Amino acid sequence: MEQIRLINLEDEKPTVKQAMDRLELELRLAKKQGVCVLKIIHGFGSTGNGGKIRVALRKALPEYQKRGKLCFFVPGERLTIFEEETRRLLQLCPDFRKDHDIDRHNNGITVVVLRDRKG
């Protein structure tokens, strides 16, 4: 079973609505297929102030969490072993330790955990 899935919401330069629609679809599909972690590439925006997709995604994720669509998420800039949520991620999905973005403070990604237990 696939543990980690990479989703690039920047592919083909979608509108914010298109990217968010794709996110909804990918969340449902991954959860149905038993995927534990989604690593989402959303970009940071060419101006350095944060892209529109990143802003929309980061605004939507807490609501998705409240509604049970995901367990928790880790913004790329907090993807470090010094953050409790990253340590929790690594405990639930040890394979993620191999990811090259750990400790790189990458504002262009967000990691979403769909399950809080193995199985």
N, C-alpha and C. Protein backbone atom coordinates (compact mmCIF):
# COMPACT_ATOMS: atom_id res chain seq x y z
N MET A 1 0.84 -1.18 0.00
CA MET A 1 0.00 0.00 0.00
C MET A 1 0.89 1.25 0.00
N GLU A 2 0.51 2.19 -0.78
CA GLU A 2 1.24 3.44 -0.89
C GLU A 2 1.10 4.25 0.41
N GLN A 3 2.21 4.64 0.99
CA GLN A 3 2.20 5.41 2.23
C GLN A 3 2.18 6.92 1.97
N ILE A 4 3.00 7.34 0.99
CA ILE A 4 3.20 8.77 0.73
C ILE A 4 2.88 9.06 -0.74
N ARG A 5 2.08 10.08 -0.97
CA ARG A 5 1.75 10.48 -2.33
C ARG A 5 2.12 11.95 -2.52
N LEU A 6 2.74 12.24 -3.64
CA LEU A 6 3.12 13.60 -4.00
C LEU A 6 2.06 14.19 -4.92
N ILE A 7 1.56 15.37 -4.57
CA ILE A 7 0.56 16.07 -5.38
C ILE A 7 1.13 17.44 -5.73
N ASN A 8 1.23 17.74 -7.01
CA ASN A 8 1.73 19.04 -7.43
C ASN A 8 0.55 19.89 -7.91
N LEU A 9 0.08 20.79 -7.05
CA LEU A 9 -1.06 21.64 -7.40
C LEU A 9 -0.67 22.76 -8.35
N GLU A 10 0.60 22.94 -8.61
CA GLU A 10 1.06 23.96 -9.55
C GLU A 10 1.05 23.49 -11.01
N ASP A 11 0.98 22.16 -11.20
CA ASP A 11 1.01 21.61 -12.56
C ASP A 11 0.04 22.33 -13.48
N GLU A 12 0.50 22.71 -14.63
CA GLU A 12 -0.30 23.34 -15.68
C GLU A 12 -0.90 24.68 -15.26
N LYS A 13 -0.31 25.33 -14.26
CA LYS A 13 -0.70 26.67 -13.83
C LYS A 13 -2.22 26.86 -13.69
N PRO A 14 -2.82 26.12 -12.77
CA PRO A 14 -4.28 26.20 -12.60
C PRO A 14 -4.69 27.50 -11.90
N THR A 15 -5.97 27.81 -11.98
CA THR A 15 -6.52 28.88 -11.17
C THR A 15 -6.60 28.37 -9.73
N VAL A 16 -6.85 29.26 -8.80
CA VAL A 16 -6.99 28.84 -7.41
C VAL A 16 -8.15 27.86 -7.28
N LYS A 17 -9.26 28.15 -7.93
CA LYS A 17 -10.43 27.25 -7.86
C LYS A 17 -10.09 25.87 -8.41
N GLN A 18 -9.41 25.82 -9.55
CA GLN A 18 -9.03 24.54 -10.13
C GLN A 18 -8.11 23.76 -9.18
N ALA A 19 -7.16 24.45 -8.57
CA ALA A 19 -6.23 23.80 -7.65
C ALA A 19 -6.96 23.28 -6.42
N MET A 20 -7.89 24.06 -5.89
CA MET A 20 -8.63 23.64 -4.71
C MET A 20 -9.60 22.50 -5.03
N ASP A 21 -10.18 22.52 -6.21
CA ASP A 21 -11.03 21.39 -6.65
C ASP A 21 -10.19 20.12 -6.75
N ARG A 22 -8.98 20.26 -7.29
CA ARG A 22 -8.10 19.09 -7.40
C ARG A 22 -7.70 18.59 -6.01
N LEU A 23 -7.44 19.51 -5.09
CA LEU A 23 -7.10 19.12 -3.73
C LEU A 23 -8.22 18.29 -3.11
N GLU A 24 -9.45 18.74 -3.25
CA GLU A 24 -10.61 17.98 -2.72
C GLU A 24 -10.63 16.57 -3.30
N LEU A 25 -10.46 16.47 -4.60
CA LEU A 25 -10.46 15.18 -5.28
C LEU A 25 -9.32 14.30 -4.76
N GLU A 26 -8.13 14.85 -4.68
CA GLU A 26 -6.96 14.08 -4.24
C GLU A 26 -7.10 13.63 -2.79
N LEU A 27 -7.68 14.47 -1.93
CA LEU A 27 -7.90 14.07 -0.53
C LEU A 27 -8.84 12.88 -0.45
N ARG A 28 -9.96 12.95 -1.18
CA ARG A 28 -10.93 11.85 -1.17
C ARG A 28 -10.31 10.57 -1.70
N LEU A 29 -9.61 10.68 -2.82
CA LEU A 29 -9.01 9.52 -3.47
C LEU A 29 -7.95 8.88 -2.57
N ALA A 30 -7.07 9.71 -2.01
CA ALA A 30 -6.00 9.18 -1.16
C ALA A 30 -6.56 8.51 0.08
N LYS A 31 -7.55 9.11 0.68
CA LYS A 31 -8.14 8.53 1.89
C LYS A 31 -8.79 7.19 1.56
N LYS A 32 -9.50 7.14 0.44
CA LYS A 32 -10.17 5.92 0.01
C LYS A 32 -9.15 4.81 -0.28
N GLN A 33 -7.98 5.20 -0.80
CA GLN A 33 -6.95 4.23 -1.16
C GLN A 33 -6.01 3.89 -0.01
N GLY A 34 -6.24 4.49 1.17
CA GLY A 34 -5.44 4.16 2.34
C GLY A 34 -4.09 4.84 2.40
N VAL A 35 -3.89 5.90 1.63
CA VAL A 35 -2.64 6.64 1.69
C VAL A 35 -2.56 7.34 3.04
N CYS A 36 -1.39 7.37 3.63
CA CYS A 36 -1.21 7.98 4.94
C CYS A 36 -0.87 9.47 4.85
N VAL A 37 0.01 9.82 3.92
CA VAL A 37 0.54 11.18 3.84
C VAL A 37 0.48 11.72 2.42
N LEU A 38 0.03 12.97 2.30
CA LEU A 38 0.11 13.69 1.02
C LEU A 38 1.13 14.80 1.18
N LYS A 39 2.10 14.81 0.30
CA LYS A 39 3.04 15.94 0.23
C LYS A 39 2.55 16.81 -0.92
N ILE A 40 2.11 18.00 -0.58
CA ILE A 40 1.48 18.88 -1.57
C ILE A 40 2.44 20.00 -1.95
N ILE A 41 2.72 20.09 -3.23
CA ILE A 41 3.51 21.21 -3.76
C ILE A 41 2.53 22.27 -4.23
N HIS A 42 2.60 23.45 -3.64
CA HIS A 42 1.69 24.53 -4.02
C HIS A 42 2.44 25.78 -4.42
N GLY A 43 3.73 25.80 -4.22
CA GLY A 43 4.52 26.97 -4.56
C GLY A 43 4.41 28.05 -3.50
N PHE A 44 5.28 29.01 -3.64
CA PHE A 44 5.31 30.11 -2.69
C PHE A 44 5.00 31.43 -3.36
N GLY A 45 4.97 31.45 -4.67
CA GLY A 45 4.70 32.69 -5.40
C GLY A 45 6.00 33.34 -5.82
N SER A 46 6.03 33.84 -7.01
CA SER A 46 7.26 34.40 -7.56
C SER A 46 7.69 35.70 -6.88
N THR A 47 6.76 36.37 -6.19
CA THR A 47 7.12 37.62 -5.52
C THR A 47 7.75 37.37 -4.15
N GLY A 48 7.68 36.14 -3.67
CA GLY A 48 8.22 35.84 -2.35
C GLY A 48 7.22 36.11 -1.24
N ASN A 49 6.03 36.58 -1.57
CA ASN A 49 5.02 36.89 -0.56
C ASN A 49 3.98 35.80 -0.41
N GLY A 50 4.12 34.74 -1.12
CA GLY A 50 3.16 33.64 -1.01
C GLY A 50 2.20 33.65 -2.18
N GLY A 51 2.12 32.55 -2.87
CA GLY A 51 1.23 32.43 -4.01
C GLY A 51 -0.22 32.28 -3.58
N LYS A 52 -1.11 32.52 -4.50
CA LYS A 52 -2.55 32.46 -4.21
C LYS A 52 -2.99 31.05 -3.84
N ILE A 53 -2.41 30.04 -4.49
CA ILE A 53 -2.78 28.66 -4.18
C ILE A 53 -2.33 28.32 -2.76
N ARG A 54 -1.12 28.72 -2.41
CA ARG A 54 -0.61 28.47 -1.05
C ARG A 54 -1.53 29.10 -0.01
N VAL A 55 -1.91 30.35 -0.22
CA VAL A 55 -2.78 31.05 0.72
C VAL A 55 -4.13 30.35 0.85
N ALA A 56 -4.73 29.98 -0.28
CA ALA A 56 -6.04 29.30 -0.25
C ALA A 56 -5.94 27.95 0.44
N LEU A 57 -4.89 27.20 0.13
CA LEU A 57 -4.70 25.88 0.73
C LEU A 57 -4.52 26.00 2.24
N ARG A 58 -3.66 26.89 2.66
CA ARG A 58 -3.39 27.04 4.09
C ARG A 58 -4.63 27.55 4.85
N LYS A 59 -5.48 28.28 4.17
CA LYS A 59 -6.72 28.76 4.79
C LYS A 59 -7.73 27.60 4.91
N ALA A 60 -7.75 26.72 3.91
CA ALA A 60 -8.73 25.62 3.88
C ALA A 60 -8.38 24.46 4.80
N LEU A 61 -7.11 24.18 5.00
CA LEU A 61 -6.71 22.97 5.74
C LEU A 61 -7.24 22.91 7.18
N PRO A 62 -7.22 24.00 7.95
CA PRO A 62 -7.79 23.89 9.30
C PRO A 62 -9.28 23.50 9.29
N GLU A 63 -10.02 24.00 8.31
CA GLU A 63 -11.44 23.64 8.18
C GLU A 63 -11.58 22.16 7.80
N TYR A 64 -10.74 21.69 6.88
CA TYR A 64 -10.76 20.28 6.51
C TYR A 64 -10.46 19.41 7.73
N GLN A 65 -9.54 19.87 8.55
CA GLN A 65 -9.18 19.12 9.76
C GLN A 65 -10.37 19.06 10.71
N LYS A 66 -11.05 20.16 10.91
CA LYS A 66 -12.23 20.19 11.78
C LYS A 66 -13.31 19.24 11.28
N ARG A 67 -13.45 19.13 9.95
CA ARG A 67 -14.48 18.29 9.35
C ARG A 67 -14.05 16.83 9.19
N GLY A 68 -12.85 16.49 9.65
CA GLY A 68 -12.39 15.11 9.62
C GLY A 68 -11.85 14.63 8.28
N LYS A 69 -11.57 15.56 7.37
CA LYS A 69 -11.02 15.16 6.07
C LYS A 69 -9.53 14.85 6.16
N LEU A 70 -8.89 15.28 7.25
CA LEU A 70 -7.49 15.00 7.48
C LEU A 70 -7.23 15.04 8.97
N CYS A 71 -6.13 14.43 9.39
CA CYS A 71 -5.79 14.41 10.82
C CYS A 71 -5.07 15.69 11.23
N PHE A 72 -4.00 16.00 10.52
CA PHE A 72 -3.26 17.22 10.78
C PHE A 72 -2.38 17.52 9.58
N PHE A 73 -1.76 18.69 9.59
CA PHE A 73 -0.88 19.07 8.49
C PHE A 73 0.33 19.81 9.03
N VAL A 74 1.41 19.78 8.24
CA VAL A 74 2.64 20.45 8.62
C VAL A 74 3.06 21.37 7.48
N PRO A 75 3.02 22.68 7.68
CA PRO A 75 3.53 23.59 6.66
C PRO A 75 5.02 23.34 6.43
N GLY A 76 5.46 23.45 5.20
CA GLY A 76 6.85 23.15 4.86
C GLY A 76 7.88 23.89 5.69
N GLU A 77 7.58 25.13 6.05
CA GLU A 77 8.53 25.90 6.85
C GLU A 77 8.65 25.38 8.28
N ARG A 78 7.71 24.53 8.70
CA ARG A 78 7.76 23.92 10.04
C ARG A 78 8.07 22.42 9.97
N LEU A 79 8.51 21.97 8.81
CA LEU A 79 8.85 20.56 8.61
C LEU A 79 10.28 20.33 9.11
N THR A 80 10.42 20.30 10.42
CA THR A 80 11.72 20.14 11.05
C THR A 80 11.56 19.26 12.28
N ILE A 81 12.59 18.51 12.58
CA ILE A 81 12.53 17.60 13.73
C ILE A 81 12.37 18.34 15.05
N PHE A 82 12.52 19.64 15.04
CA PHE A 82 12.36 20.44 16.26
C PHE A 82 10.90 20.81 16.51
N GLU A 83 10.01 20.47 15.58
CA GLU A 83 8.58 20.74 15.73
C GLU A 83 7.85 19.45 16.11
N GLU A 84 6.98 19.55 17.09
CA GLU A 84 6.24 18.38 17.58
C GLU A 84 5.42 17.71 16.48
N GLU A 85 4.76 18.52 15.63
CA GLU A 85 3.92 17.94 14.58
C GLU A 85 4.76 17.16 13.56
N THR A 86 5.99 17.58 13.31
CA THR A 86 6.87 16.83 12.41
C THR A 86 7.28 15.51 13.04
N ARG A 87 7.59 15.54 14.31
CA ARG A 87 7.94 14.28 15.00
C ARG A 87 6.75 13.32 15.00
N ARG A 88 5.55 13.85 15.15
CA ARG A 88 4.34 13.00 15.09
C ARG A 88 4.19 12.41 13.69
N LEU A 89 4.40 13.22 12.67
CA LEU A 89 4.37 12.75 11.28
C LEU A 89 5.36 11.61 11.08
N LEU A 90 6.57 11.78 11.56
CA LEU A 90 7.61 10.77 11.36
C LEU A 90 7.32 9.49 12.15
N GLN A 91 6.64 9.63 13.27
CA GLN A 91 6.25 8.45 14.04
C GLN A 91 5.17 7.67 13.29
N LEU A 92 4.22 8.37 12.69
CA LEU A 92 3.12 7.72 11.98
C LEU A 92 3.55 7.17 10.62
N CYS A 93 4.51 7.84 10.01
CA CYS A 93 4.97 7.44 8.67
C CYS A 93 6.50 7.51 8.62
N PRO A 94 7.18 6.50 9.16
CA PRO A 94 8.64 6.51 9.21
C PRO A 94 9.31 6.68 7.86
N ASP A 95 8.67 6.25 6.78
CA ASP A 95 9.25 6.40 5.44
C ASP A 95 9.48 7.87 5.07
N PHE A 96 8.74 8.76 5.73
CA PHE A 96 8.88 10.19 5.40
C PHE A 96 10.24 10.74 5.85
N ARG A 97 10.95 10.02 6.70
CA ARG A 97 12.29 10.46 7.14
C ARG A 97 13.24 10.64 5.96
N LYS A 98 12.97 9.92 4.87
CA LYS A 98 13.83 9.99 3.68
C LYS A 98 13.55 11.23 2.82
N ASP A 99 12.49 11.97 3.14
CA ASP A 99 12.11 13.11 2.31
C ASP A 99 13.16 14.22 2.37
N HIS A 100 13.52 14.75 1.22
CA HIS A 100 14.59 15.75 1.15
C HIS A 100 14.17 17.13 1.66
N ASP A 101 12.89 17.35 1.91
CA ASP A 101 12.45 18.66 2.38
C ASP A 101 12.47 18.82 3.90
N ILE A 102 12.77 17.76 4.63
CA ILE A 102 12.85 17.89 6.09
C ILE A 102 14.02 18.81 6.42
N ASP A 103 13.76 19.75 7.29
CA ASP A 103 14.74 20.75 7.75
C ASP A 103 15.20 21.71 6.66
N ARG A 104 14.41 21.85 5.59
CA ARG A 104 14.77 22.80 4.52
C ARG A 104 13.90 24.06 4.56
N HIS A 105 12.91 24.10 5.44
CA HIS A 105 12.04 25.28 5.60
C HIS A 105 11.44 25.72 4.27
N ASN A 106 10.88 24.78 3.54
CA ASN A 106 10.34 25.01 2.20
C ASN A 106 8.91 25.54 2.30
N ASN A 107 8.72 26.83 2.06
CA ASN A 107 7.40 27.46 2.12
C ASN A 107 6.48 27.02 0.98
N GLY A 108 7.01 26.35 -0.01
CA GLY A 108 6.24 25.96 -1.18
C GLY A 108 5.55 24.61 -1.07
N ILE A 109 5.64 23.99 0.10
CA ILE A 109 4.99 22.68 0.29
C ILE A 109 4.21 22.66 1.60
N THR A 110 3.29 21.71 1.68
CA THR A 110 2.58 21.40 2.92
C THR A 110 2.39 19.89 2.94
N VAL A 111 2.58 19.28 4.10
CA VAL A 111 2.41 17.84 4.26
C VAL A 111 1.12 17.60 5.04
N VAL A 112 0.26 16.76 4.47
CA VAL A 112 -1.03 16.46 5.08
C VAL A 112 -1.06 15.01 5.52
N VAL A 113 -1.42 14.78 6.77
CA VAL A 113 -1.53 13.42 7.31
C VAL A 113 -3.00 13.05 7.34
N LEU A 114 -3.33 11.95 6.66
CA LEU A 114 -4.71 11.52 6.53
C LEU A 114 -5.14 10.50 7.59
N ARG A 115 -4.18 9.74 8.10
CA ARG A 115 -4.50 8.70 9.10
C ARG A 115 -3.62 8.91 10.31
N ASP A 116 -4.17 8.64 11.48
CA ASP A 116 -3.36 8.82 12.69
C ASP A 116 -2.84 7.50 13.25
N ARG A 117 -3.11 6.39 12.56
CA ARG A 117 -2.60 5.09 12.97
C ARG A 117 -2.20 4.33 11.71
N LYS A 118 -1.28 3.39 11.92
CA LYS A 118 -0.95 2.49 10.81
C LYS A 118 -2.09 1.52 10.61
N GLY A 119 -2.21 1.07 9.35
CA GLY A 119 -3.26 0.08 9.14
C GLY A 119 -4.01 0.27 7.87
